[in-house]
């Protein structure tokens, strides 16, 4: 099973200005992001403390549902 980080890398380079791209690019550049994690709680807690933009947590919840459908 891929980590959430690896799932998100498909959004890098996506349409300019998309929120998914913005989050994926931030995750790529953040050296402390839990890149190997498959845990909703771990990633959610990290984003609560280090959210790169105001809608990031809501977007994460939406993308987590897609991730679960594809990976679990």
PDB file of N, CA and C in Angstrom:
ATOM      1  N   UNK A   1       0.837  -1.180   0.000  1.00  0.00           N
ATOM      2  CA  UNK A   1       0.000   0.000   0.000  1.00  0.00           C
ATOM      3  C   UNK A   1       0.884   1.247   0.000  1.00  0.00           C
ATOM      4  N   UNK A   2       0.518   2.207  -0.836  1.00  0.00           N
ATOM      5  CA  UNK A   2       1.262   3.470  -0.901  1.00  0.00           C
ATOM      6  C   UNK A   2       0.935   4.349   0.300  1.00  0.00           C
ATOM      7  N   UNK A   3       1.869   5.182   0.659  1.00  0.00           N
ATOM      8  CA  UNK A   3       1.601   6.178   1.696  1.00  0.00           C
ATOM      9  C   UNK A   3       0.719   7.274   1.104  1.00  0.00           C
ATOM     10  N   UNK A   4       0.120   8.060   1.988  1.00  0.00           N
ATOM     11  CA  UNK A   4      -0.713   9.172   1.523  1.00  0.00           C
ATOM     12  C   UNK A   4       0.130  10.160   0.724  1.00  0.00           C
ATOM     13  N   UNK A   5       1.343  10.374   1.146  1.00  0.00           N
ATOM     14  CA  UNK A   5       2.258  11.275   0.433  1.00  0.00           C
ATOM     15  C   UNK A   5       2.433  10.809  -1.015  1.00  0.00           C
ATOM     16  N   UNK A   6       2.710   9.530  -1.209  1.00  0.00           N
ATOM     17  CA  UNK A   6       2.904   9.016  -2.567  1.00  0.00           C
ATOM     18  C   UNK A   6       1.621   9.118  -3.395  1.00  0.00           C
ATOM     19  N   UNK A   7       0.492   8.897  -2.760  1.00  0.00           N
ATOM     20  CA  UNK A   7      -0.793   9.096  -3.433  1.00  0.00           C
ATOM     21  C   UNK A   7      -0.915  10.546  -3.914  1.00  0.00           C
ATOM     22  N   UNK A   8      -0.530  11.498  -3.076  1.00  0.00           N
ATOM     23  CA  UNK A   8      -0.681  12.912  -3.388  1.00  0.00           C
ATOM     24  C   UNK A   8       0.255  13.394  -4.496  1.00  0.00           C
ATOM     25  N   UNK A   9       1.339  12.700  -4.719  1.00  0.00           N
ATOM     26  CA  UNK A   9       2.299  13.157  -5.723  1.00  0.00           C
ATOM     27  C   UNK A   9       1.725  13.148  -7.136  1.00  0.00           C
ATOM     28  N   UNK A  10       0.624  12.455  -7.354  1.00  0.00           N
ATOM     29  CA  UNK A  10      -0.006  12.500  -8.676  1.00  0.00           C
ATOM     30  C   UNK A  10      -0.632  13.870  -8.955  1.00  0.00           C
ATOM     31  N   UNK A  11      -0.817  14.668  -7.915  1.00  0.00           N
ATOM     32  CA  UNK A  11      -1.398  15.999  -8.073  1.00  0.00           C
ATOM     33  C   UNK A  11      -0.344  17.083  -8.340  1.00  0.00           C
ATOM     34  N   UNK A  12       0.927  16.741  -8.187  1.00  0.00           N
ATOM     35  CA  UNK A  12       1.974  17.723  -8.491  1.00  0.00           C
ATOM     36  C   UNK A  12       1.959  18.007  -9.988  1.00  0.00           C
ATOM     37  N   UNK A  13       2.103  19.254 -10.348  1.00  0.00           N
ATOM     38  CA  UNK A  13       2.117  19.628 -11.745  1.00  0.00           C
ATOM     39  C   UNK A  13       0.730  19.686 -12.370  1.00  0.00           C
ATOM     40  N   UNK A  14      -0.284  19.450 -11.565  1.00  0.00           N
ATOM     41  CA  UNK A  14      -1.669  19.503 -12.031  1.00  0.00           C
ATOM     42  C   UNK A  14      -2.023  20.943 -12.404  1.00  0.00           C
ATOM     43  N   UNK A  15      -3.236  21.166 -12.846  1.00  0.00           N
ATOM     44  CA  UNK A  15      -3.693  22.489 -13.267  1.00  0.00           C
ATOM     45  C   UNK A  15      -3.241  23.614 -12.352  1.00  0.00           C
ATOM     46  N   UNK A  16      -2.755  24.658 -12.941  1.00  0.00           N
ATOM     47  CA  UNK A  16      -2.252  25.802 -12.186  1.00  0.00           C
ATOM     48  C   UNK A  16      -3.334  26.354 -11.271  1.00  0.00           C
ATOM     49  N   UNK A  17      -2.978  26.555 -10.023  1.00  0.00           N
ATOM     50  CA  UNK A  17      -3.891  27.138  -9.062  1.00  0.00           C
ATOM     51  C   UNK A  17      -4.824  26.151  -8.382  1.00  0.00           C
ATOM     52  N   UNK A  18      -4.745  24.863  -8.726  1.00  0.00           N
ATOM     53  CA  UNK A  18      -5.635  23.909  -8.070  1.00  0.00           C
ATOM     54  C   UNK A  18      -5.195  23.713  -6.624  1.00  0.00           C
ATOM     55  N   UNK A  19      -6.164  23.537  -5.757  1.00  0.00           N
ATOM     56  CA  UNK A  19      -5.868  23.332  -4.338  1.00  0.00           C
ATOM     57  C   UNK A  19      -5.116  22.010  -4.130  1.00  0.00           C
ATOM     58  N   UNK A  20      -5.463  20.982  -4.902  1.00  0.00           N
ATOM     59  CA  UNK A  20      -4.770  19.698  -4.783  1.00  0.00           C
ATOM     60  C   UNK A  20      -3.290  19.850  -5.116  1.00  0.00           C
ATOM     61  N   UNK A  21      -3.003  20.585  -6.176  1.00  0.00           N
ATOM     62  CA  UNK A  21      -1.601  20.827  -6.538  1.00  0.00           C
ATOM     63  C   UNK A  21      -0.894  21.611  -5.434  1.00  0.00           C
ATOM     64  N   UNK A  22      -1.559  22.594  -4.925  1.00  0.00           N
ATOM     65  CA  UNK A  22      -0.971  23.441  -3.882  1.00  0.00           C
ATOM     66  C   UNK A  22      -0.592  22.600  -2.665  1.00  0.00           C
ATOM     67  N   UNK A  23      -1.491  21.696  -2.252  1.00  0.00           N
ATOM     68  CA  UNK A  23      -1.205  20.840  -1.107  1.00  0.00           C
ATOM     69  C   UNK A  23      -0.089  19.851  -1.429  1.00  0.00           C
ATOM     70  N   UNK A  24      -0.146  19.235  -2.603  1.00  0.00           N
ATOM     71  CA  UNK A  24       0.887  18.267  -3.001  1.00  0.00           C
ATOM     72  C   UNK A  24       2.256  18.934  -3.084  1.00  0.00           C
ATOM     73  N   UNK A  25       2.325  20.116  -3.654  1.00  0.00           N
ATOM     74  CA  UNK A  25       3.603  20.828  -3.745  1.00  0.00           C
ATOM     75  C   UNK A  25       4.141  21.172  -2.361  1.00  0.00           C
ATOM     76  N   UNK A  26       3.250  21.598  -1.473  1.00  0.00           N
ATOM     77  CA  UNK A  26       3.680  21.920  -0.110  1.00  0.00           C
ATOM     78  C   UNK A  26       4.211  20.672   0.594  1.00  0.00           C
ATOM     79  N   UNK A  27       3.495  19.549   0.447  1.00  0.00           N
ATOM     80  CA  UNK A  27       3.937  18.300   1.067  1.00  0.00           C
ATOM     81  C   UNK A  27       5.315  17.900   0.545  1.00  0.00           C
ATOM     82  N   UNK A  28       5.540  18.069  -0.748  1.00  0.00           N
ATOM     83  CA  UNK A  28       6.813  17.726  -1.369  1.00  0.00           C
ATOM     84  C   UNK A  28       7.950  18.573  -0.790  1.00  0.00           C
ATOM     85  N   UNK A  29       7.670  19.842  -0.561  1.00  0.00           N
ATOM     86  CA  UNK A  29       8.703  20.764  -0.093  1.00  0.00           C
ATOM     87  C   UNK A  29       8.911  20.729   1.419  1.00  0.00           C
ATOM     88  N   UNK A  30       7.947  20.210   2.166  1.00  0.00           N
ATOM     89  CA  UNK A  30       8.043  20.158   3.634  1.00  0.00           C
ATOM     90  C   UNK A  30       8.810  18.902   4.052  1.00  0.00           C
ATOM     91  N   UNK A  31      10.033  19.086   4.487  1.00  0.00           N
ATOM     92  CA  UNK A  31      10.899  17.955   4.835  1.00  0.00           C
ATOM     93  C   UNK A  31      10.439  17.211   6.083  1.00  0.00           C
ATOM     94  N   UNK A  32       9.579  17.817   6.879  1.00  0.00           N
ATOM     95  CA  UNK A  32       9.096  17.169   8.104  1.00  0.00           C
ATOM     96  C   UNK A  32       7.758  16.450   7.923  1.00  0.00           C
ATOM     97  N   UNK A  33       7.139  16.601   6.761  1.00  0.00           N
ATOM     98  CA  UNK A  33       5.866  15.929   6.538  1.00  0.00           C
ATOM     99  C   UNK A  33       6.056  14.414   6.668  1.00  0.00           C
ATOM    100  N   UNK A  34       5.117  13.719   7.330  1.00  0.00           N
ATOM    101  CA  UNK A  34       5.260  12.259   7.525  1.00  0.00           C
ATOM    102  C   UNK A  34       5.034  11.495   6.210  1.00  0.00           C
ATOM    103  N   UNK A  35       6.052  11.462   5.391  1.00  0.00           N
ATOM    104  CA  UNK A  35       5.948  10.950   4.026  1.00  0.00           C
ATOM    105  C   UNK A  35       5.661   9.458   3.927  1.00  0.00           C
ATOM    106  N   UNK A  36       5.971   8.686   4.946  1.00  0.00           N
ATOM    107  CA  UNK A  36       5.728   7.243   4.892  1.00  0.00           C
ATOM    108  C   UNK A  36       4.409   6.836   5.550  1.00  0.00           C
ATOM    109  N   UNK A  37       3.685   7.792   6.069  1.00  0.00           N
ATOM    110  CA  UNK A  37       2.488   7.490   6.857  1.00  0.00           C
ATOM    111  C   UNK A  37       1.290   7.066   6.013  1.00  0.00           C
ATOM    112  N   UNK A  38       0.545   6.106   6.570  1.00  0.00           N
ATOM    113  CA  UNK A  38      -0.746   5.701   6.021  1.00  0.00           C
ATOM    114  C   UNK A  38      -1.833   5.934   7.069  1.00  0.00           C
ATOM    115  N   UNK A  39      -1.517   6.727   8.085  1.00  0.00           N
ATOM    116  CA  UNK A  39      -2.414   6.965   9.208  1.00  0.00           C
ATOM    117  C   UNK A  39      -3.124   8.317   9.078  1.00  0.00           C
ATOM    118  N   UNK A  40      -4.445   8.261   9.023  1.00  0.00           N
ATOM    119  CA  UNK A  40      -5.239   9.492   8.970  1.00  0.00           C
ATOM    120  C   UNK A  40      -4.923  10.383  10.168  1.00  0.00           C
ATOM    121  N   UNK A  41      -4.899   9.792  11.363  1.00  0.00           N
ATOM    122  CA  UNK A  41      -4.685  10.580  12.583  1.00  0.00           C
ATOM    123  C   UNK A  41      -3.330  11.273  12.575  1.00  0.00           C
ATOM    124  N   UNK A  42      -2.289  10.575  12.186  1.00  0.00           N
ATOM    125  CA  UNK A  42      -0.948  11.167  12.173  1.00  0.00           C
ATOM    126  C   UNK A  42      -0.871  12.346  11.204  1.00  0.00           C
ATOM    127  N   UNK A  43      -1.394  12.170  10.015  1.00  0.00           N
ATOM    128  CA  UNK A  43      -1.331  13.239   9.012  1.00  0.00           C
ATOM    129  C   UNK A  43      -2.248  14.392   9.392  1.00  0.00           C
ATOM    130  N   UNK A  44      -3.416  14.077   9.892  1.00  0.00           N
ATOM    131  CA  UNK A  44      -4.358  15.113  10.314  1.00  0.00           C
ATOM    132  C   UNK A  44      -3.765  15.977  11.428  1.00  0.00           C
ATOM    133  N   UNK A  45      -3.161  15.324  12.417  1.00  0.00           N
ATOM    134  CA  UNK A  45      -2.513  16.085  13.510  1.00  0.00           C
ATOM    135  C   UNK A  45      -1.400  16.966  12.968  1.00  0.00           C
ATOM    136  N   UNK A  46      -0.609  16.437  12.050  1.00  0.00           N
ATOM    137  CA  UNK A  46       0.482  17.223  11.473  1.00  0.00           C
ATOM    138  C   UNK A  46      -0.076  18.461  10.766  1.00  0.00           C
ATOM    139  N   UNK A  47      -1.131  18.265   9.982  1.00  0.00           N
ATOM    140  CA  UNK A  47      -1.722  19.393   9.265  1.00  0.00           C
ATOM    141  C   UNK A  47      -2.382  20.398  10.203  1.00  0.00           C
ATOM    142  N   UNK A  48      -2.938  19.924  11.305  1.00  0.00           N
ATOM    143  CA  UNK A  48      -3.527  20.853  12.264  1.00  0.00           C
ATOM    144  C   UNK A  48      -2.484  21.825  12.805  1.00  0.00           C
ATOM    145  N   UNK A  49      -1.276  21.360  12.992  1.00  0.00           N
ATOM    146  CA  UNK A  49      -0.201  22.201  13.531  1.00  0.00           C
ATOM    147  C   UNK A  49       0.585  22.944  12.454  1.00  0.00           C
ATOM    148  N   UNK A  50       0.540  22.435  11.216  1.00  0.00           N
ATOM    149  CA  UNK A  50       1.396  23.000  10.166  1.00  0.00           C
ATOM    150  C   UNK A  50       0.631  23.319   8.886  1.00  0.00           C
ATOM    151  N   UNK A  51      -0.641  23.614   8.994  1.00  0.00           N
ATOM    152  CA  UNK A  51      -1.482  23.817   7.811  1.00  0.00           C
ATOM    153  C   UNK A  51      -0.915  24.913   6.905  1.00  0.00           C
ATOM    154  N   UNK A  52      -0.702  24.584   5.633  1.00  0.00           N
ATOM    155  CA  UNK A  52      -0.102  25.566   4.721  1.00  0.00           C
ATOM    156  C   UNK A  52      -1.075  26.630   4.217  1.00  0.00           C
ATOM    157  N   UNK A  53      -2.392  26.364   4.289  1.00  0.00           N
ATOM    158  CA  UNK A  53      -3.396  27.349   3.892  1.00  0.00           C
ATOM    159  C   UNK A  53      -4.714  26.985   4.566  1.00  0.00           C
ATOM    160  N   UNK A  54      -5.625  27.924   4.616  1.00  0.00           N
ATOM    161  CA  UNK A  54      -6.823  27.779   5.450  1.00  0.00           C
ATOM    162  C   UNK A  54      -7.708  26.582   5.094  1.00  0.00           C
ATOM    163  N   UNK A  55      -7.783  26.214   3.856  1.00  0.00           N
ATOM    164  CA  UNK A  55      -8.669  25.110   3.468  1.00  0.00           C
ATOM    165  C   UNK A  55      -7.950  23.760   3.385  1.00  0.00           C
ATOM    166  N   UNK A  56      -6.711  23.700   3.828  1.00  0.00           N
ATOM    167  CA  UNK A  56      -5.915  22.472   3.691  1.00  0.00           C
ATOM    168  C   UNK A  56      -6.519  21.291   4.448  1.00  0.00           C
ATOM    169  N   UNK A  57      -7.030  21.508   5.647  1.00  0.00           N
ATOM    170  CA  UNK A  57      -7.599  20.395   6.415  1.00  0.00           C
ATOM    171  C   UNK A  57      -8.868  19.854   5.768  1.00  0.00           C
ATOM    172  N   UNK A  58      -9.700  20.736   5.283  1.00  0.00           N
ATOM    173  CA  UNK A  58     -10.915  20.295   4.599  1.00  0.00           C
ATOM    174  C   UNK A  58     -10.549  19.528   3.320  1.00  0.00           C
ATOM    175  N   UNK A  59      -9.600  20.041   2.580  1.00  0.00           N
ATOM    176  CA  UNK A  59      -9.133  19.378   1.366  1.00  0.00           C
ATOM    177  C   UNK A  59      -8.530  18.019   1.698  1.00  0.00           C
ATOM    178  N   UNK A  60      -7.747  17.953   2.749  1.00  0.00           N
ATOM    179  CA  UNK A  60      -7.166  16.685   3.179  1.00  0.00           C
ATOM    180  C   UNK A  60      -8.259  15.655   3.442  1.00  0.00           C
ATOM    181  N   UNK A  61      -9.315  16.036   4.147  1.00  0.00           N
ATOM    182  CA  UNK A  61     -10.419  15.108   4.424  1.00  0.00           C
ATOM    183  C   UNK A  61     -11.035  14.574   3.131  1.00  0.00           C
ATOM    184  N   UNK A  62     -11.219  15.445   2.160  1.00  0.00           N
ATOM    185  CA  UNK A  62     -11.780  15.013   0.877  1.00  0.00           C
ATOM    186  C   UNK A  62     -10.830  14.060   0.155  1.00  0.00           C
ATOM    187  N   UNK A  63      -9.563  14.412   0.122  1.00  0.00           N
ATOM    188  CA  UNK A  63      -8.582  13.587  -0.575  1.00  0.00           C
ATOM    189  C   UNK A  63      -8.340  12.259   0.146  1.00  0.00           C
ATOM    190  N   UNK A  64      -8.484  12.260   1.467  1.00  0.00           N
ATOM    191  CA  UNK A  64      -8.318  11.019   2.218  1.00  0.00           C
ATOM    192  C   UNK A  64      -9.380  10.001   1.785  1.00  0.00           C
ATOM    193  N   UNK A  65     -10.591  10.455   1.524  1.00  0.00           N
ATOM    194  CA  UNK A  65     -11.645   9.549   1.064  1.00  0.00           C
ATOM    195  C   UNK A  65     -11.275   8.913  -0.280  1.00  0.00           C
ATOM    196  N   UNK A  66     -10.695   9.688  -1.170  1.00  0.00           N
ATOM    197  CA  UNK A  66     -10.249   9.160  -2.466  1.00  0.00           C
ATOM    198  C   UNK A  66      -9.103   8.178  -2.239  1.00  0.00           C
ATOM    199  N   UNK A  67      -8.181   8.555  -1.384  1.00  0.00           N
ATOM    200  CA  UNK A  67      -7.043   7.689  -1.047  1.00  0.00           C
ATOM    201  C   UNK A  67      -7.525   6.344  -0.503  1.00  0.00           C
ATOM    202  N   UNK A  68      -8.461   6.371   0.428  1.00  0.00           N
ATOM    203  CA  UNK A  68      -8.989   5.126   0.998  1.00  0.00           C
ATOM    204  C   UNK A  68      -9.652   4.271  -0.079  1.00  0.00           C
ATOM    205  N   UNK A  69     -10.411   4.885  -0.957  1.00  0.00           N
ATOM    206  CA  UNK A  69     -11.092   4.131  -2.007  1.00  0.00           C
ATOM    207  C   UNK A  69     -10.095   3.452  -2.946  1.00  0.00           C
ATOM    208  N   UNK A  70      -8.974   4.108  -3.192  1.00  0.00           N
ATOM    209  CA  UNK A  70      -7.975   3.562  -4.128  1.00  0.00           C
ATOM    210  C   UNK A  70      -7.006   2.598  -3.458  1.00  0.00           C
ATOM    211  N   UNK A  71      -6.692   2.812  -2.197  1.00  0.00           N
ATOM    212  CA  UNK A  71      -5.619   2.057  -1.551  1.00  0.00           C
ATOM    213  C   UNK A  71      -6.083   0.961  -0.604  1.00  0.00           C
ATOM    214  N   UNK A  72      -7.278   1.055  -0.059  1.00  0.00           N
ATOM    215  CA  UNK A  72      -7.689   0.061   0.948  1.00  0.00           C
ATOM    216  C   UNK A  72      -8.666  -0.925   0.390  1.00  0.00           C
TER     217      UNK A  72
END
